[in-house]
Amino acid sequence: MVAFSSGNHARGVAIAAKRLGIRAVIVMPSDAPQVKIDGTAAEGAEIVFFERLTESREEIAARIAGKSGATVVPSFDDPAIVAGQGTAGLEILEQTPAPPKRIVIPCGGGGLTSGIALACPDAEIIAVEPEGWDDMANSLAKGEIVPVGPNPPPTLCDAIQTPRVSPITFGILQARNAKALAVSDAEVEGAIRFAWQEHELVVEPGGAAGLAAVLGGKLEPVEGTVVMLSGGNIDPALHARIVGR
């Protein structure tokens, strides 16, 4: 198997390949957090690094697959991946006393967001992206896919730092009339701090984007809101700095 990811999808594919007894090659950005690199390597995957702003991870993965005959497992641009990530929405429905009115979800390529949108058809869907990487917001606003512009700003949210959404995820969210917002690194740090201090939850920057939007006042609070925290793969030193430990 070949996959491209900054870490969360990468490790999942690596674990699956290990269990199946097959080779996994993961195309990861060179600036991925070390904790994600180490976690993926620990599962036995081979890692191929690329430069996030100058190289195409899709092209690299396709080239590797073409030479080896491996199957590419995309991180969001695939109906089966969207369906799999959408099982988080089914869990939300199982765990809430009434169907949620609004679900706030960190969004990179949109796999998780669109999957939950399909699983929870009655909920208002709010996608949250990092400032400067809000291509889903721009795409929904303009009615067509708009990639991230040149020289985007740095962001702590590596897990949702996606330069272009896919027709699959964009189409689903457009059909569902989803809304999208952007949050700053300062707002994300505040959310990470809140999650730890109030609930003892370790949340990575990308996974805290939805919470950051709520705490940052980007949304009017409404009863029946669910906020998705979608990852805890954060460098321990970074987490300690943010929460003040």
Protein backbone atom coordinates (compact mmCIF):
# COMPACT_ATOMS: atom_id res chain seq x y z
CA MET A 1 0.00 0.00 0.00
CA VAL A 2 1.03 3.59 -0.63
CA ALA A 3 -0.47 6.54 1.22
CA PHE A 4 0.23 10.24 1.66
CA SER A 5 -0.40 11.95 4.97
CA SER A 6 1.22 14.15 7.60
CA GLY A 7 0.63 11.46 10.17
CA ASN A 8 -2.85 10.34 11.24
CA HIS A 9 -3.92 8.59 8.04
CA ALA A 10 -0.30 7.50 7.60
CA ARG A 11 -0.23 5.62 10.86
CA GLY A 12 -3.62 4.05 10.23
CA VAL A 13 -2.48 2.69 6.87
CA ALA A 14 0.79 1.50 8.41
CA ILE A 15 -1.11 -0.40 11.11
CA ALA A 16 -3.45 -1.97 8.55
CA ALA A 17 -0.53 -3.04 6.35
CA LYS A 18 1.28 -4.53 9.34
CA ARG A 19 -1.76 -6.58 10.29
CA LEU A 20 -2.15 -7.78 6.71
CA GLY A 21 1.53 -8.60 6.41
CA ILE A 22 2.12 -6.32 3.42
CA ARG A 23 4.49 -3.46 2.68
CA ALA A 24 3.44 0.13 3.37
CA VAL A 25 5.12 3.20 1.90
CA ILE A 26 4.01 6.52 3.35
CA VAL A 27 4.68 9.84 1.62
CA MET A 28 5.02 12.40 4.42
CA PRO A 29 5.90 16.10 4.41
CA SER A 30 9.42 16.80 5.60
CA ASP A 31 8.04 19.14 8.26
CA ALA A 32 5.68 16.59 9.80
CA PRO A 33 5.88 16.46 13.61
CA GLN A 34 8.51 14.02 14.81
CA VAL A 35 5.97 12.21 16.97
CA LYS A 36 3.97 11.34 13.83
CA ILE A 37 7.06 10.27 11.91
CA ASP A 38 8.20 8.05 14.77
CA GLY A 39 4.74 6.56 15.26
CA THR A 40 4.39 5.68 11.58
CA ALA A 41 7.90 4.21 11.39
CA ALA A 42 7.25 2.17 14.54
CA GLU A 43 4.45 0.37 12.70
CA GLY A 44 6.96 -0.84 10.11
CA ALA A 45 6.17 1.58 7.29
CA GLU A 46 8.77 2.96 4.90
CA ILE A 47 8.63 6.77 4.84
CA VAL A 48 9.35 8.91 1.78
CA PHE A 49 9.59 12.62 2.54
CA PHE A 50 8.53 15.47 0.27
CA GLU A 51 8.51 19.26 0.40
CA ARG A 52 4.98 20.40 1.16
CA LEU A 53 5.08 23.66 -0.82
CA THR A 54 7.06 22.58 -3.87
CA GLU A 55 6.22 18.92 -4.53
CA SER A 56 3.03 16.97 -5.15
CA ARG A 57 2.43 14.13 -2.73
CA GLU A 58 -0.17 12.67 -5.10
CA GLU A 59 2.34 12.52 -7.95
CA ILE A 60 4.99 10.95 -5.74
CA ALA A 61 2.57 8.30 -4.45
CA ALA A 62 1.36 7.54 -7.98
CA ARG A 63 4.95 7.15 -9.17
CA ILE A 64 5.80 4.74 -6.34
CA ALA A 65 2.64 2.73 -6.97
CA GLY A 66 3.34 2.61 -10.71
CA LYS A 67 6.77 1.13 -10.13
CA SER A 68 5.79 -1.35 -7.42
CA GLY A 69 2.23 -2.26 -8.37
CA ALA A 70 1.00 -1.14 -4.94
CA THR A 71 -2.45 0.32 -4.29
CA VAL A 72 -2.70 4.00 -3.40
CA VAL A 73 -4.87 4.63 -0.33
CA PRO A 74 -5.81 8.33 -0.43
CA SER A 75 -6.37 10.27 2.78
CA PHE A 76 -9.70 11.73 1.61
CA ASP A 77 -10.21 11.56 -2.17
CA ASP A 78 -11.98 8.20 -2.29
CA PRO A 79 -15.58 7.10 -1.63
CA ALA A 80 -14.50 4.24 0.63
CA ILE A 81 -12.28 6.54 2.71
CA VAL A 82 -15.10 9.07 3.08
CA ALA A 83 -17.46 6.28 4.13
CA GLY A 84 -14.95 4.95 6.63
CA GLN A 85 -14.33 8.32 8.19
CA GLY A 86 -18.07 8.89 8.24
CA THR A 87 -18.47 6.12 10.79
CA ALA A 88 -17.49 8.80 13.31
CA GLY A 89 -20.84 10.36 12.47
CA LEU A 90 -22.62 7.08 13.21
CA GLU A 91 -20.89 7.02 16.60
CA ILE A 92 -22.11 10.56 17.26
CA LEU A 93 -25.69 9.46 16.56
CA GLU A 94 -25.27 6.46 18.87
CA GLN A 95 -23.82 8.51 21.72
CA THR A 96 -26.09 11.56 21.72
CA PRO A 97 -29.58 11.48 23.27
CA ALA A 98 -31.02 13.30 20.26
CA PRO A 99 -29.63 13.86 16.75
CA PRO A 100 -27.27 16.85 16.91
CA LYS A 101 -28.36 20.12 15.37
CA ARG A 102 -24.83 21.21 14.50
CA ILE A 103 -21.50 19.41 14.15
CA VAL A 104 -18.25 21.39 14.09
CA ILE A 105 -15.41 19.47 12.42
CA PRO A 106 -11.73 20.13 11.66
CA CYS A 107 -11.31 20.08 7.88
CA GLY A 108 -8.30 19.45 5.67
CA GLY A 109 -9.16 17.57 2.52
CA GLY A 110 -12.69 17.12 3.82
CA GLY A 111 -12.90 13.35 4.17
CA LEU A 112 -13.99 13.37 7.80
CA THR A 113 -16.25 16.39 7.33
CA SER A 114 -18.04 15.00 4.28
CA GLY A 115 -18.31 11.54 5.80
CA ILE A 116 -19.99 12.94 8.91
CA ALA A 117 -22.20 15.11 6.69
CA LEU A 118 -23.50 11.95 5.00
CA ALA A 119 -23.91 10.03 8.25
CA CYS A 120 -25.76 12.89 9.98
CA PRO A 121 -28.02 14.33 7.26
CA ASP A 122 -30.12 16.47 9.63
CA ALA A 123 -27.22 18.32 11.26
CA GLU A 124 -25.78 21.65 10.18
CA ILE A 125 -22.17 20.97 9.17
CA ILE A 126 -19.42 23.46 10.02
CA ALA A 127 -15.96 22.79 8.54
CA VAL A 128 -13.05 24.53 10.28
CA GLU A 129 -9.68 25.12 8.61
CA PRO A 130 -6.46 26.98 9.47
CA GLU A 131 -6.20 30.60 8.36
CA GLY A 132 -4.57 30.80 4.95
CA TRP A 133 -5.36 27.14 4.27
CA ASP A 134 -9.12 27.61 4.06
CA ASP A 135 -9.58 26.28 0.53
CA MET A 136 -12.80 24.48 1.42
CA ALA A 137 -14.30 27.74 2.67
CA ASN A 138 -13.25 29.56 -0.47
CA SER A 139 -14.46 26.72 -2.68
CA LEU A 140 -17.88 26.62 -1.05
CA ALA A 141 -18.17 30.40 -1.27
CA LYS A 142 -17.32 30.47 -4.99
CA GLY A 143 -19.15 27.30 -5.99
CA GLU A 144 -16.05 25.64 -7.44
CA ILE A 145 -12.83 24.15 -6.16
CA VAL A 146 -10.32 26.86 -5.30
CA PRO A 147 -6.86 25.69 -4.19
CA VAL A 148 -4.80 27.33 -1.49
CA GLY A 149 -3.00 30.36 -2.90
CA PRO A 150 0.75 30.80 -3.31
CA ASN A 151 2.93 31.26 -0.22
CA PRO A 152 0.34 30.28 2.38
CA PRO A 153 1.23 31.15 5.99
CA PRO A 154 2.75 28.63 8.37
CA THR A 155 0.28 26.86 10.64
CA LEU A 156 0.44 24.55 13.63
CA CYS A 157 -2.38 22.51 12.07
CA ASP A 158 -0.26 20.12 10.00
CA ALA A 159 -2.98 17.45 9.98
CA ILE A 160 -5.40 19.68 8.05
CA GLN A 161 -2.87 21.57 5.97
CA THR A 162 -4.26 20.52 2.59
CA PRO A 163 -3.55 22.56 -0.57
CA ARG A 164 -6.61 21.41 -2.53
CA VAL A 165 -9.85 19.64 -1.67
CA SER A 166 -11.24 16.89 -3.88
CA PRO A 167 -14.33 16.83 -6.12
CA ILE A 168 -15.78 14.10 -3.90
CA THR A 169 -15.54 15.96 -0.62
CA PHE A 170 -16.36 19.36 -2.11
CA GLY A 171 -19.40 17.94 -3.88
CA ILE A 172 -20.78 16.36 -0.72
CA LEU A 173 -20.33 19.48 1.40
CA GLN A 174 -21.69 21.75 -1.30
CA ALA A 175 -24.80 19.56 -1.61
CA ARG A 176 -25.25 19.64 2.17
CA ASN A 177 -24.96 23.45 2.26
CA ALA A 178 -22.08 23.16 4.71
CA LYS A 179 -20.47 26.26 6.14
CA ALA A 180 -16.73 26.75 6.65
CA LEU A 181 -14.65 28.92 8.98
CA ALA A 182 -10.96 29.61 9.53
CA VAL A 183 -9.08 29.84 12.84
CA SER A 184 -5.71 31.28 13.83
CA ASP A 185 -2.85 29.50 15.55
CA ALA A 186 -3.53 31.58 18.67
CA GLU A 187 -7.13 30.36 18.74
CA VAL A 188 -5.96 26.78 18.22
CA GLU A 189 -3.49 27.07 21.10
CA GLY A 190 -6.30 28.36 23.30
CA ALA A 191 -8.41 25.33 22.40
CA ILE A 192 -5.56 22.91 23.15
CA ARG A 193 -5.07 24.61 26.51
CA PHE A 194 -8.82 24.48 27.29
CA ALA A 195 -9.09 20.79 26.39
CA TRP A 196 -6.21 19.95 28.73
CA GLN A 197 -7.05 22.23 31.65
CA GLU A 198 -10.79 21.58 31.67
CA HIS A 199 -10.97 17.96 30.51
CA GLU A 200 -7.40 16.54 30.62
CA LEU A 201 -7.61 15.79 26.90
CA VAL A 202 -4.47 15.89 24.76
CA VAL A 203 -5.48 17.29 21.38
CA GLU A 204 -3.20 18.09 18.45
CA PRO A 205 -3.51 21.46 16.69
CA GLY A 206 -5.44 20.22 13.67
CA GLY A 207 -7.74 18.19 15.88
CA ALA A 208 -8.52 21.25 18.00
CA ALA A 209 -9.58 23.52 15.12
CA GLY A 210 -13.31 22.97 15.63
CA LEU A 211 -13.05 23.69 19.34
CA ALA A 212 -11.00 26.77 18.52
CA ALA A 213 -13.84 28.12 16.36
CA VAL A 214 -16.34 27.69 19.19
CA LEU A 215 -14.13 29.13 21.93
CA GLY A 216 -13.00 31.94 19.64
CA GLY A 217 -16.56 33.16 19.16
CA LYS A 218 -16.66 32.28 15.46
CA LEU A 219 -20.02 30.54 16.02
CA GLU A 220 -23.11 31.45 18.00
CA PRO A 221 -23.57 28.72 20.63
CA VAL A 222 -26.65 26.61 20.00
CA GLU A 223 -28.08 23.72 21.97
CA GLY A 224 -27.38 20.37 20.35
CA THR A 225 -23.88 21.22 19.07
CA VAL A 226 -21.22 18.53 18.79
CA VAL A 227 -17.57 19.53 18.44
CA MET A 228 -15.26 16.93 16.92
CA LEU A 229 -11.73 16.58 18.35
CA SER A 230 -9.96 14.61 15.64
CA GLY A 231 -6.49 13.71 16.81
CA GLY A 232 -4.02 13.63 19.70
CA ASN A 233 -0.71 13.28 17.87
CA ILE A 234 1.08 16.33 19.23
CA ASP A 235 4.74 16.69 20.10
CA PRO A 236 4.96 16.43 23.92
CA ALA A 237 7.24 19.47 24.15
CA LEU A 238 4.86 21.57 22.07
CA HIS A 239 1.92 20.46 24.16
CA ALA A 240 3.77 21.28 27.37
CA ARG A 241 4.60 24.76 26.07
CA ILE A 242 1.02 25.48 25.07
CA VAL A 243 -0.63 24.26 28.27
CA GLY A 244 2.05 25.69 30.53
CA ARG A 245 3.42 22.50 32.02
